[in-house]
Amino acid sequence: MAYRILLVDDEVHILRASEFKFQRLGYEVLCAADGEEAWELIAHARPDLIVTDCQMPRLDGLGLAARLQENPATADIPILMLTAKGFELSAEELRLRYGIAALLPKPFSPREMTQLAETLLNEKASTVAN
């Protein structure tokens, strides 16, 4: 069974390039243009990992992460956040408050993104197995 990854970004070129890269690696990929659209998709098809931009219209990445953390059915989904801005919060605070497993600054290489995603999925699988 292939892992399901939800990609969330309002920049279409990043969304499509990431979708292509993950599909070539054998993942099932869902795409959303903002956090609201992502939240709707999650209700119908729970992803194994979410890769989301931070800054988006309607509902940004932190808002989406907060919703996921508040819901027991989604709180365990790992989140890889893509960001073009520095954070006032530390990586540890982001993990504790929002459940963000990793940050990846923009611009990033597709290889770096997919390797980090695979690491997060492997960590989740080993946690579930134990």
N, C-alpha and C. Protein backbone atom coordinates (compact mmCIF):
# COMPACT_ATOMS: atom_id res chain seq x y z
N MET A 1 0.84 -1.19 0.00
CA MET A 1 0.00 0.00 0.00
C MET A 1 0.88 1.25 0.00
N ALA A 2 0.60 2.15 -0.89
CA ALA A 2 1.37 3.39 -0.99
C ALA A 2 0.90 4.38 0.08
N TYR A 3 1.85 5.12 0.60
CA TYR A 3 1.50 6.19 1.52
C TYR A 3 0.76 7.28 0.77
N ARG A 4 -0.15 7.95 1.48
CA ARG A 4 -0.90 9.07 0.91
C ARG A 4 -0.32 10.36 1.49
N ILE A 5 0.07 11.26 0.60
CA ILE A 5 0.64 12.55 0.99
C ILE A 5 -0.29 13.66 0.51
N LEU A 6 -0.57 14.59 1.41
CA LEU A 6 -1.36 15.77 1.05
C LEU A 6 -0.41 16.95 0.92
N LEU A 7 -0.39 17.55 -0.27
CA LEU A 7 0.42 18.73 -0.54
C LEU A 7 -0.48 19.96 -0.50
N VAL A 8 -0.06 20.98 0.23
CA VAL A 8 -0.87 22.19 0.38
C VAL A 8 0.01 23.41 0.10
N ASP A 9 -0.30 24.11 -0.98
CA ASP A 9 0.47 25.30 -1.34
C ASP A 9 -0.34 26.13 -2.32
N ASP A 10 -0.32 27.45 -2.16
CA ASP A 10 -1.06 28.32 -3.08
C ASP A 10 -0.24 28.67 -4.31
N GLU A 11 1.03 28.27 -4.36
CA GLU A 11 1.86 28.48 -5.55
C GLU A 11 1.75 27.24 -6.43
N VAL A 12 1.03 27.37 -7.54
CA VAL A 12 0.71 26.23 -8.39
C VAL A 12 1.96 25.51 -8.89
N HIS A 13 3.01 26.25 -9.24
CA HIS A 13 4.21 25.59 -9.77
C HIS A 13 4.88 24.72 -8.70
N ILE A 14 4.86 25.14 -7.46
CA ILE A 14 5.43 24.32 -6.38
C ILE A 14 4.55 23.09 -6.15
N LEU A 15 3.24 23.30 -6.15
CA LEU A 15 2.30 22.21 -5.94
C LEU A 15 2.45 21.14 -7.02
N ARG A 16 2.47 21.54 -8.27
CA ARG A 16 2.55 20.58 -9.38
C ARG A 16 3.91 19.88 -9.45
N ALA A 17 4.97 20.62 -9.22
CA ALA A 17 6.31 20.00 -9.25
C ALA A 17 6.44 18.99 -8.11
N SER A 18 5.93 19.33 -6.94
CA SER A 18 5.99 18.41 -5.79
C SER A 18 5.11 17.19 -6.04
N GLU A 19 3.93 17.43 -6.59
CA GLU A 19 3.02 16.32 -6.91
C GLU A 19 3.70 15.33 -7.86
N PHE A 20 4.31 15.85 -8.90
CA PHE A 20 5.00 15.02 -9.89
C PHE A 20 6.11 14.21 -9.23
N LYS A 21 6.91 14.85 -8.40
CA LYS A 21 8.04 14.18 -7.75
C LYS A 21 7.56 13.05 -6.84
N PHE A 22 6.56 13.31 -6.02
CA PHE A 22 6.06 12.27 -5.11
C PHE A 22 5.36 11.13 -5.86
N GLN A 23 4.63 11.45 -6.91
CA GLN A 23 3.98 10.40 -7.70
C GLN A 23 5.01 9.49 -8.35
N ARG A 24 6.10 10.07 -8.85
CA ARG A 24 7.16 9.26 -9.48
C ARG A 24 7.81 8.31 -8.48
N LEU A 25 7.75 8.68 -7.20
CA LEU A 25 8.30 7.82 -6.15
C LEU A 25 7.30 6.79 -5.66
N GLY A 26 6.08 6.81 -6.22
CA GLY A 26 5.09 5.80 -5.89
C GLY A 26 4.07 6.18 -4.83
N TYR A 27 4.06 7.44 -4.42
CA TYR A 27 3.10 7.88 -3.41
C TYR A 27 1.76 8.24 -4.04
N GLU A 28 0.70 8.07 -3.28
CA GLU A 28 -0.60 8.61 -3.66
C GLU A 28 -0.59 10.07 -3.20
N VAL A 29 -0.95 10.99 -4.09
CA VAL A 29 -0.82 12.41 -3.78
C VAL A 29 -2.16 13.12 -3.93
N LEU A 30 -2.50 13.88 -2.90
CA LEU A 30 -3.65 14.78 -2.93
C LEU A 30 -3.10 16.20 -2.90
N CYS A 31 -3.80 17.15 -3.54
CA CYS A 31 -3.33 18.53 -3.58
C CYS A 31 -4.43 19.49 -3.17
N ALA A 32 -4.02 20.53 -2.45
CA ALA A 32 -4.95 21.59 -2.04
C ALA A 32 -4.23 22.93 -2.18
N ALA A 33 -5.00 23.97 -2.50
CA ALA A 33 -4.43 25.31 -2.72
C ALA A 33 -4.35 26.14 -1.44
N ASP A 34 -5.00 25.71 -0.38
CA ASP A 34 -4.93 26.42 0.90
C ASP A 34 -5.39 25.49 2.02
N GLY A 35 -5.31 25.97 3.24
CA GLY A 35 -5.65 25.15 4.40
C GLY A 35 -7.11 24.73 4.46
N GLU A 36 -8.01 25.60 4.02
CA GLU A 36 -9.44 25.25 4.03
C GLU A 36 -9.72 24.07 3.09
N GLU A 37 -9.17 24.14 1.89
CA GLU A 37 -9.34 23.05 0.93
C GLU A 37 -8.69 21.76 1.47
N ALA A 38 -7.54 21.90 2.11
CA ALA A 38 -6.86 20.75 2.70
C ALA A 38 -7.71 20.11 3.78
N TRP A 39 -8.30 20.93 4.65
CA TRP A 39 -9.13 20.43 5.74
C TRP A 39 -10.31 19.62 5.20
N GLU A 40 -10.90 20.08 4.11
CA GLU A 40 -12.00 19.35 3.48
C GLU A 40 -11.53 18.01 2.93
N LEU A 41 -10.36 17.99 2.29
CA LEU A 41 -9.82 16.74 1.76
C LEU A 41 -9.51 15.74 2.87
N ILE A 42 -8.96 16.23 3.97
CA ILE A 42 -8.59 15.36 5.09
C ILE A 42 -9.81 14.62 5.64
N ALA A 43 -10.96 15.28 5.62
CA ALA A 43 -12.19 14.65 6.12
C ALA A 43 -12.60 13.44 5.28
N HIS A 44 -12.21 13.42 4.01
CA HIS A 44 -12.60 12.33 3.10
C HIS A 44 -11.49 11.32 2.84
N ALA A 45 -10.25 11.75 2.96
CA ALA A 45 -9.13 10.87 2.65
C ALA A 45 -7.96 11.24 3.56
N ARG A 46 -7.88 10.57 4.71
CA ARG A 46 -6.85 10.89 5.70
C ARG A 46 -5.45 10.60 5.15
N PRO A 47 -4.59 11.63 5.11
CA PRO A 47 -3.23 11.41 4.60
C PRO A 47 -2.32 10.82 5.68
N ASP A 48 -1.22 10.24 5.23
CA ASP A 48 -0.19 9.73 6.13
C ASP A 48 0.81 10.83 6.49
N LEU A 49 0.88 11.86 5.63
CA LEU A 49 1.80 12.98 5.83
C LEU A 49 1.21 14.20 5.13
N ILE A 50 1.42 15.36 5.74
CA ILE A 50 1.00 16.62 5.13
C ILE A 50 2.24 17.47 4.90
N VAL A 51 2.41 17.94 3.67
CA VAL A 51 3.47 18.89 3.32
C VAL A 51 2.74 20.18 2.99
N THR A 52 2.93 21.20 3.84
CA THR A 52 2.17 22.43 3.66
C THR A 52 3.05 23.67 3.68
N ASP A 53 2.65 24.63 2.88
CA ASP A 53 3.26 25.95 2.92
C ASP A 53 2.79 26.63 4.20
N CYS A 54 3.53 27.62 4.63
CA CYS A 54 3.12 28.37 5.82
C CYS A 54 2.15 29.49 5.45
N GLN A 55 2.53 30.31 4.47
CA GLN A 55 1.73 31.47 4.12
C GLN A 55 0.82 31.17 2.94
N MET A 56 -0.50 31.17 3.23
CA MET A 56 -1.51 30.92 2.18
C MET A 56 -2.76 31.72 2.51
N PRO A 57 -3.60 31.96 1.52
CA PRO A 57 -4.86 32.65 1.79
C PRO A 57 -5.85 31.72 2.51
N ARG A 58 -6.92 32.28 2.98
CA ARG A 58 -8.02 31.61 3.70
C ARG A 58 -7.56 30.96 4.99
N LEU A 59 -6.79 29.92 4.94
CA LEU A 59 -6.27 29.28 6.16
C LEU A 59 -4.81 28.94 5.90
N ASP A 60 -3.91 29.55 6.68
CA ASP A 60 -2.48 29.32 6.45
C ASP A 60 -2.02 28.00 7.07
N GLY A 61 -0.75 27.69 6.88
CA GLY A 61 -0.21 26.43 7.35
C GLY A 61 -0.27 26.26 8.86
N LEU A 62 -0.01 27.33 9.61
CA LEU A 62 -0.10 27.24 11.07
C LEU A 62 -1.54 27.04 11.53
N GLY A 63 -2.47 27.70 10.87
CA GLY A 63 -3.89 27.51 11.19
C GLY A 63 -4.34 26.08 10.92
N LEU A 64 -3.89 25.53 9.80
CA LEU A 64 -4.21 24.14 9.47
C LEU A 64 -3.60 23.21 10.51
N ALA A 65 -2.33 23.44 10.85
CA ALA A 65 -1.66 22.60 11.84
C ALA A 65 -2.37 22.67 13.19
N ALA A 66 -2.82 23.86 13.58
CA ALA A 66 -3.55 24.01 14.85
C ALA A 66 -4.85 23.19 14.82
N ARG A 67 -5.59 23.25 13.72
CA ARG A 67 -6.82 22.44 13.60
C ARG A 67 -6.52 20.95 13.71
N LEU A 68 -5.47 20.53 13.05
CA LEU A 68 -5.09 19.12 13.09
C LEU A 68 -4.75 18.69 14.51
N GLN A 69 -4.03 19.53 15.24
CA GLN A 69 -3.63 19.22 16.61
C GLN A 69 -4.83 19.15 17.54
N GLU A 70 -5.84 19.98 17.31
CA GLU A 70 -7.02 20.03 18.17
C GLU A 70 -7.93 18.82 17.98
N ASN A 71 -7.80 18.13 16.87
CA ASN A 71 -8.68 17.01 16.56
C ASN A 71 -7.95 15.69 16.84
N PRO A 72 -8.44 14.88 17.78
CA PRO A 72 -7.76 13.62 18.10
C PRO A 72 -7.60 12.68 16.89
N ALA A 73 -8.49 12.78 15.92
CA ALA A 73 -8.43 11.90 14.75
C ALA A 73 -7.31 12.29 13.79
N THR A 74 -6.79 13.51 13.91
CA THR A 74 -5.75 13.98 12.98
C THR A 74 -4.47 14.45 13.68
N ALA A 75 -4.45 14.46 14.98
CA ALA A 75 -3.31 15.01 15.73
C ALA A 75 -2.00 14.26 15.49
N ASP A 76 -2.09 13.01 15.05
CA ASP A 76 -0.87 12.22 14.86
C ASP A 76 -0.32 12.26 13.43
N ILE A 77 -0.94 13.03 12.55
CA ILE A 77 -0.45 13.13 11.17
C ILE A 77 0.79 14.03 11.16
N PRO A 78 1.93 13.51 10.71
CA PRO A 78 3.13 14.37 10.66
C PRO A 78 2.98 15.48 9.63
N ILE A 79 3.54 16.63 9.99
CA ILE A 79 3.46 17.81 9.13
C ILE A 79 4.87 18.29 8.80
N LEU A 80 5.13 18.44 7.51
CA LEU A 80 6.35 19.05 7.02
C LEU A 80 5.96 20.43 6.51
N MET A 81 6.46 21.48 7.15
CA MET A 81 6.08 22.83 6.75
C MET A 81 7.15 23.47 5.90
N LEU A 82 6.72 23.99 4.75
CA LEU A 82 7.57 24.75 3.84
C LEU A 82 7.39 26.22 4.17
N THR A 83 8.48 26.96 4.25
CA THR A 83 8.33 28.36 4.59
C THR A 83 9.38 29.23 3.92
N ALA A 84 8.94 30.40 3.49
CA ALA A 84 9.85 31.39 2.91
C ALA A 84 10.22 32.43 3.96
N LYS A 85 9.62 32.34 5.15
CA LYS A 85 9.92 33.33 6.18
C LYS A 85 10.51 32.65 7.40
N GLY A 86 11.31 33.39 8.12
CA GLY A 86 11.86 32.88 9.37
C GLY A 86 10.76 32.86 10.43
N PHE A 87 10.95 32.08 11.45
CA PHE A 87 9.96 31.97 12.50
C PHE A 87 10.41 32.64 13.78
N GLU A 88 9.45 33.26 14.45
CA GLU A 88 9.71 33.80 15.77
C GLU A 88 9.72 32.67 16.78
N LEU A 89 9.00 31.60 16.48
CA LEU A 89 8.94 30.43 17.35
C LEU A 89 10.05 29.46 16.97
N SER A 90 10.59 28.78 17.95
CA SER A 90 11.62 27.78 17.68
C SER A 90 10.99 26.53 17.07
N ALA A 91 11.83 25.69 16.49
CA ALA A 91 11.35 24.43 15.93
C ALA A 91 10.68 23.59 17.01
N GLU A 92 11.21 23.64 18.22
CA GLU A 92 10.62 22.88 19.34
C GLU A 92 9.23 23.40 19.69
N GLU A 93 9.07 24.73 19.74
CA GLU A 93 7.75 25.31 20.01
C GLU A 93 6.75 24.97 18.90
N LEU A 94 7.22 24.99 17.66
CA LEU A 94 6.35 24.64 16.54
C LEU A 94 5.90 23.18 16.64
N ARG A 95 6.82 22.31 17.06
CA ARG A 95 6.47 20.89 17.23
C ARG A 95 5.46 20.72 18.35
N LEU A 96 5.70 21.36 19.48
CA LEU A 96 4.82 21.19 20.64
C LEU A 96 3.45 21.85 20.45
N ARG A 97 3.42 23.07 19.94
CA ARG A 97 2.16 23.80 19.78
C ARG A 97 1.34 23.39 18.56
N TYR A 98 2.04 23.06 17.48
CA TYR A 98 1.35 22.81 16.23
C TYR A 98 1.56 21.41 15.65
N GLY A 99 2.37 20.61 16.26
CA GLY A 99 2.64 19.27 15.75
C GLY A 99 3.46 19.24 14.48
N ILE A 100 4.20 20.29 14.22
CA ILE A 100 5.02 20.36 13.01
C ILE A 100 6.28 19.54 13.24
N ALA A 101 6.41 18.49 12.45
CA ALA A 101 7.52 17.55 12.63
C ALA A 101 8.83 18.09 12.06
N ALA A 102 8.74 18.91 11.00
CA ALA A 102 9.96 19.44 10.37
C ALA A 102 9.64 20.70 9.58
N LEU A 103 10.65 21.56 9.48
CA LEU A 103 10.56 22.79 8.67
C LEU A 103 11.53 22.67 7.52
N LEU A 104 11.11 23.16 6.36
CA LEU A 104 11.98 23.20 5.19
C LEU A 104 11.89 24.59 4.59
N PRO A 105 12.99 25.35 4.64
CA PRO A 105 12.94 26.71 4.10
C PRO A 105 12.91 26.73 2.58
N LYS A 106 12.16 27.69 2.03
CA LYS A 106 12.14 27.92 0.59
C LYS A 106 13.27 28.86 0.26
N PRO A 107 13.92 28.72 -0.85
CA PRO A 107 13.75 27.66 -1.85
C PRO A 107 14.38 26.36 -1.35
N PHE A 108 13.84 25.24 -1.81
CA PHE A 108 14.33 23.93 -1.41
C PHE A 108 14.49 23.07 -2.65
N SER A 109 15.27 22.02 -2.52
CA SER A 109 15.40 21.09 -3.65
C SER A 109 14.34 20.01 -3.50
N PRO A 110 13.78 19.55 -4.61
CA PRO A 110 12.78 18.47 -4.53
C PRO A 110 13.35 17.23 -3.83
N ARG A 111 14.62 16.94 -4.05
CA ARG A 111 15.25 15.79 -3.40
C ARG A 111 15.25 15.95 -1.88
N GLU A 112 15.58 17.16 -1.43
CA GLU A 112 15.60 17.43 0.01
C GLU A 112 14.19 17.24 0.60
N MET A 113 13.17 17.73 -0.10
CA MET A 113 11.80 17.60 0.37
C MET A 113 11.38 16.13 0.44
N THR A 114 11.65 15.37 -0.61
CA THR A 114 11.20 13.98 -0.62
C THR A 114 11.98 13.14 0.40
N GLN A 115 13.26 13.43 0.59
CA GLN A 115 14.03 12.70 1.59
C GLN A 115 13.51 12.98 3.00
N LEU A 116 13.19 14.23 3.27
CA LEU A 116 12.65 14.59 4.58
C LEU A 116 11.28 13.94 4.79
N ALA A 117 10.45 13.95 3.75
CA ALA A 117 9.13 13.31 3.83
C ALA A 117 9.28 11.81 4.11
N GLU A 118 10.19 11.16 3.42
CA GLU A 118 10.41 9.72 3.64
C GLU A 118 10.90 9.45 5.05
N THR A 119 11.76 10.31 5.57
CA THR A 119 12.23 10.16 6.95
C THR A 119 11.07 10.26 7.93
N LEU A 120 10.19 11.24 7.73
CA LEU A 120 9.04 11.41 8.62
C LEU A 120 8.09 10.22 8.54
N LEU A 121 7.86 9.71 7.34
CA LEU A 121 6.98 8.54 7.18
C LEU A 121 7.60 7.31 7.83
N ASN A 122 8.91 7.13 7.70
CA ASN A 122 9.59 6.00 8.34
C ASN A 122 9.54 6.11 9.85
N GLU A 123 9.72 7.32 10.39
CA GLU A 123 9.62 7.53 11.83
C GLU A 123 8.22 7.20 12.33
N LYS A 124 7.21 7.63 11.58
CA LYS A 124 5.83 7.35 11.97
C LYS A 124 5.58 5.84 11.95
N ALA A 125 6.05 5.16 10.92
CA ALA A 125 5.85 3.71 10.79
C ALA A 125 6.53 2.96 11.94
N SER A 126 7.73 3.39 12.32
CA SER A 126 8.43 2.69 13.39
C SER A 126 7.77 2.98 14.75
N THR A 127 7.17 4.16 14.93
CA THR A 127 6.45 4.46 16.15
C THR A 127 5.19 3.61 16.27
N VAL A 128 4.47 3.46 15.15
CA VAL A 128 3.26 2.65 15.14
C VAL A 128 3.58 1.19 15.38
N ALA A 129 4.69 0.72 14.85
CA ALA A 129 5.08 -0.69 14.98
C ALA A 129 5.48 -1.05 16.41
N ASN A 130 5.95 -0.06 17.17
CA ASN A 130 6.41 -0.33 18.55
C ASN A 130 5.32 -0.22 19.57
